[in-house]
N, C-alpha and C. Protein backbone atom coordinates (compact mmCIF):
# COMPACT_ATOMS: atom_id res chain seq x y z
N MET A 1 -6.33 -29.92 -7.78
CA MET A 1 -7.12 -29.85 -6.56
C MET A 1 -6.76 -31.05 -5.65
N ALA A 2 -6.66 -30.78 -4.38
CA ALA A 2 -6.25 -31.81 -3.42
C ALA A 2 -7.36 -32.83 -3.18
N ARG A 3 -6.96 -34.08 -3.05
CA ARG A 3 -7.94 -35.13 -2.79
C ARG A 3 -8.35 -35.16 -1.32
N TYR A 4 -7.37 -34.97 -0.45
CA TYR A 4 -7.62 -35.03 0.99
C TYR A 4 -7.40 -33.66 1.60
N SER A 5 -8.20 -33.34 2.62
CA SER A 5 -7.99 -32.08 3.32
C SER A 5 -6.80 -32.22 4.26
N ARG A 6 -6.23 -31.09 4.66
CA ARG A 6 -5.08 -31.11 5.56
C ARG A 6 -5.45 -31.73 6.91
N SER A 7 -6.66 -31.44 7.35
CA SER A 7 -7.10 -31.98 8.65
C SER A 7 -7.31 -33.49 8.59
N ALA A 8 -7.65 -34.02 7.40
CA ALA A 8 -7.77 -35.48 7.25
C ALA A 8 -6.40 -36.13 7.37
N GLY A 9 -5.39 -35.45 6.84
CA GLY A 9 -4.02 -35.93 6.96
C GLY A 9 -3.56 -35.97 8.41
N LYS A 10 -4.03 -34.99 9.18
CA LYS A 10 -3.69 -34.96 10.61
C LYS A 10 -4.33 -36.13 11.35
N ASP A 11 -5.55 -36.50 10.94
CA ASP A 11 -6.23 -37.65 11.55
C ASP A 11 -5.46 -38.94 11.29
N VAL A 12 -4.93 -39.07 10.07
CA VAL A 12 -4.14 -40.25 9.71
C VAL A 12 -2.86 -40.27 10.53
N LYS A 13 -2.24 -39.10 10.65
CA LYS A 13 -1.00 -38.98 11.42
C LYS A 13 -1.23 -39.40 12.88
N ARG A 14 -2.36 -38.98 13.42
CA ARG A 14 -2.72 -39.31 14.80
C ARG A 14 -2.91 -40.83 14.96
N ALA A 15 -3.54 -41.45 13.94
CA ALA A 15 -3.76 -42.89 13.98
C ALA A 15 -2.43 -43.64 13.91
N MET A 16 -1.50 -43.12 13.12
CA MET A 16 -0.18 -43.74 12.99
C MET A 16 0.59 -43.68 14.32
N LYS A 17 0.45 -42.56 15.02
CA LYS A 17 1.11 -42.42 16.32
C LYS A 17 0.53 -43.41 17.32
N ARG A 18 -0.83 -43.57 17.28
CA ARG A 18 -1.47 -44.52 18.19
C ARG A 18 -1.04 -45.94 17.88
N ARG A 19 -0.81 -46.24 16.59
CA ARG A 19 -0.34 -47.58 16.21
C ARG A 19 1.04 -47.84 16.78
N LYS A 20 1.92 -46.84 16.64
CA LYS A 20 3.29 -47.00 17.13
C LYS A 20 3.35 -47.20 18.64
N SER A 21 2.45 -46.53 19.35
CA SER A 21 2.46 -46.68 20.80
C SER A 21 1.67 -47.91 21.25
N GLY A 22 1.02 -48.60 20.29
CA GLY A 22 0.29 -49.83 20.62
C GLY A 22 -1.10 -49.59 21.16
N LYS A 23 -1.65 -48.40 20.91
CA LYS A 23 -2.97 -48.07 21.44
C LYS A 23 -4.08 -48.13 20.40
N LEU A 24 -3.71 -48.35 19.13
CA LEU A 24 -4.70 -48.39 18.05
C LEU A 24 -5.31 -49.78 17.96
N LYS A 25 -6.64 -49.84 18.09
CA LYS A 25 -7.35 -51.12 18.07
C LYS A 25 -8.21 -51.21 16.82
N SER A 26 -8.46 -52.43 16.37
CA SER A 26 -9.32 -52.64 15.20
C SER A 26 -10.68 -53.15 15.65
N GLY A 27 -11.66 -53.07 14.77
CA GLY A 27 -13.00 -53.58 15.07
C GLY A 27 -13.89 -52.53 15.69
N ARG A 28 -15.18 -52.87 15.79
CA ARG A 28 -16.16 -51.92 16.32
C ARG A 28 -15.93 -51.66 17.80
N GLY A 29 -15.84 -50.40 18.14
CA GLY A 29 -15.66 -50.03 19.55
C GLY A 29 -14.27 -50.34 20.07
N GLY A 30 -13.34 -50.66 19.17
CA GLY A 30 -11.97 -50.96 19.58
C GLY A 30 -11.84 -52.25 20.37
N LYS A 31 -12.78 -53.19 20.12
CA LYS A 31 -12.76 -54.45 20.87
C LYS A 31 -11.86 -55.51 20.24
N GLY A 32 -11.36 -55.21 19.04
CA GLY A 32 -10.48 -56.16 18.37
C GLY A 32 -9.06 -56.06 18.90
N GLY A 33 -8.15 -56.72 18.21
CA GLY A 33 -6.75 -56.71 18.63
C GLY A 33 -6.06 -55.42 18.25
N THR A 34 -4.81 -55.30 18.67
CA THR A 34 -4.04 -54.11 18.32
C THR A 34 -3.63 -54.17 16.86
N VAL A 35 -3.58 -53.02 16.23
CA VAL A 35 -3.24 -52.94 14.81
C VAL A 35 -1.73 -52.97 14.65
N LYS A 36 -1.25 -53.87 13.80
CA LYS A 36 0.18 -53.99 13.53
C LYS A 36 0.52 -53.40 12.16
N SER A 37 -0.42 -53.52 11.22
CA SER A 37 -0.19 -53.12 9.84
C SER A 37 -0.25 -51.61 9.65
N ARG A 38 0.69 -51.11 8.87
CA ARG A 38 0.75 -49.68 8.55
C ARG A 38 -0.45 -49.29 7.69
N LYS A 39 -0.78 -50.12 6.71
CA LYS A 39 -1.90 -49.86 5.81
C LYS A 39 -3.22 -49.81 6.56
N GLN A 40 -3.37 -50.71 7.53
CA GLN A 40 -4.61 -50.75 8.31
C GLN A 40 -4.74 -49.48 9.16
N ALA A 41 -3.61 -49.00 9.68
CA ALA A 41 -3.63 -47.77 10.49
C ALA A 41 -4.06 -46.58 9.64
N ILE A 42 -3.58 -46.53 8.40
CA ILE A 42 -3.96 -45.45 7.49
C ILE A 42 -5.45 -45.52 7.19
N ALA A 43 -5.94 -46.73 6.94
CA ALA A 43 -7.37 -46.93 6.64
C ALA A 43 -8.24 -46.49 7.82
N ILE A 44 -7.81 -46.80 9.02
CA ILE A 44 -8.57 -46.41 10.22
C ILE A 44 -8.58 -44.88 10.36
N GLY A 45 -7.43 -44.26 10.11
CA GLY A 45 -7.33 -42.80 10.18
C GLY A 45 -8.24 -42.12 9.18
N LEU A 46 -8.30 -42.67 7.95
CA LEU A 46 -9.16 -42.10 6.92
C LEU A 46 -10.63 -42.29 7.24
N SER A 47 -10.98 -43.45 7.79
CA SER A 47 -12.39 -43.68 8.13
C SER A 47 -12.83 -42.77 9.27
N GLU A 48 -11.93 -42.50 10.20
CA GLU A 48 -12.25 -41.56 11.29
C GLU A 48 -12.47 -40.15 10.73
N ALA A 49 -11.65 -39.78 9.75
CA ALA A 49 -11.80 -38.47 9.11
C ALA A 49 -13.13 -38.38 8.38
N ARG A 50 -13.52 -39.48 7.72
CA ARG A 50 -14.81 -39.53 7.01
C ARG A 50 -15.97 -39.34 7.98
N LYS A 51 -15.89 -39.98 9.13
CA LYS A 51 -16.95 -39.86 10.13
C LYS A 51 -17.10 -38.43 10.64
N LYS A 52 -15.98 -37.70 10.68
CA LYS A 52 -16.01 -36.31 11.12
C LYS A 52 -16.47 -35.37 10.01
N GLY A 53 -16.64 -35.90 8.80
CA GLY A 53 -17.12 -35.10 7.68
C GLY A 53 -16.04 -34.32 6.96
N LYS A 54 -14.80 -34.78 7.05
CA LYS A 54 -13.70 -34.09 6.38
C LYS A 54 -13.60 -34.53 4.93
N LYS A 55 -12.83 -33.77 4.16
CA LYS A 55 -12.73 -34.04 2.73
C LYS A 55 -11.83 -35.24 2.47
N VAL A 56 -12.47 -36.38 2.23
CA VAL A 56 -11.78 -37.63 1.94
C VAL A 56 -12.59 -38.33 0.85
N PRO A 57 -11.94 -38.90 -0.18
CA PRO A 57 -12.70 -39.61 -1.21
C PRO A 57 -13.46 -40.80 -0.64
N LYS A 58 -14.51 -41.20 -1.34
CA LYS A 58 -15.32 -42.34 -0.90
C LYS A 58 -14.49 -43.61 -0.91
N ARG A 59 -14.88 -44.55 -0.06
CA ARG A 59 -14.21 -45.84 0.00
C ARG A 59 -14.37 -46.59 -1.30
N LYS A 60 -13.32 -47.24 -1.73
CA LYS A 60 -13.42 -48.06 -2.95
C LYS A 60 -14.06 -49.38 -2.57
N THR A 61 -15.10 -49.75 -3.31
CA THR A 61 -15.75 -51.02 -3.05
C THR A 61 -15.14 -52.09 -3.94
N ALA A 62 -15.12 -53.28 -3.45
CA ALA A 62 -14.55 -54.39 -4.22
C ALA A 62 -15.43 -54.67 -5.43
N LYS A 63 -14.80 -54.83 -6.57
CA LYS A 63 -15.54 -55.12 -7.80
C LYS A 63 -15.86 -56.61 -7.83
N ARG A 64 -17.10 -56.90 -8.15
CA ARG A 64 -17.51 -58.30 -8.23
C ARG A 64 -17.13 -58.87 -9.58
N LYS A 65 -16.59 -60.06 -9.53
CA LYS A 65 -16.28 -60.73 -10.78
C LYS A 65 -17.52 -61.50 -11.19
N THR A 66 -18.01 -61.21 -12.37
CA THR A 66 -19.21 -61.90 -12.82
C THR A 66 -18.83 -63.28 -13.33
N ALA A 67 -19.47 -64.25 -12.77
CA ALA A 67 -19.20 -65.63 -13.16
C ALA A 67 -19.89 -65.91 -14.48
N ARG A 68 -19.10 -66.29 -15.46
CA ARG A 68 -19.68 -66.60 -16.76
C ARG A 68 -20.24 -68.00 -16.73
N LYS A 69 -21.44 -68.11 -17.27
CA LYS A 69 -22.08 -69.41 -17.28
C LYS A 69 -21.49 -70.25 -18.40
N LYS A 70 -21.06 -71.43 -18.04
CA LYS A 70 -20.52 -72.32 -19.06
C LYS A 70 -21.65 -73.20 -19.56
N THR A 71 -21.95 -73.05 -20.81
CA THR A 71 -23.03 -73.85 -21.38
C THR A 71 -22.46 -75.16 -21.91
N ALA A 72 -23.12 -76.21 -21.54
CA ALA A 72 -22.67 -77.54 -21.98
C ALA A 72 -23.13 -77.74 -23.43
N ARG A 73 -22.17 -78.02 -24.28
CA ARG A 73 -22.51 -78.25 -25.69
C ARG A 73 -22.69 -79.73 -25.92
N LYS A 74 -23.72 -80.03 -26.66
CA LYS A 74 -24.01 -81.43 -26.97
C LYS A 74 -23.07 -81.91 -28.08
N LYS A 75 -22.50 -83.09 -27.86
CA LYS A 75 -21.64 -83.67 -28.88
C LYS A 75 -22.49 -84.45 -29.88
N ARG A 76 -22.21 -84.26 -31.17
CA ARG A 76 -22.99 -84.98 -32.17
C ARG A 76 -22.20 -86.07 -32.79
């Protein structure tokens, strides 16, 4: 079974074209700088597809590293 819908792939393709022409912007409302990274363009295309309700897997969240508490041992 396919992970992404065909129309989601088209959204990514559209974002890649906008990146190449220098029209793809990052940040809310496109107020950030122009996107240079290929990976970032793909991420933007996928997030746009998600907003439209297309079949795209959920975003992977960063796993938190649990800080282990170091217990101080008393020297005898």
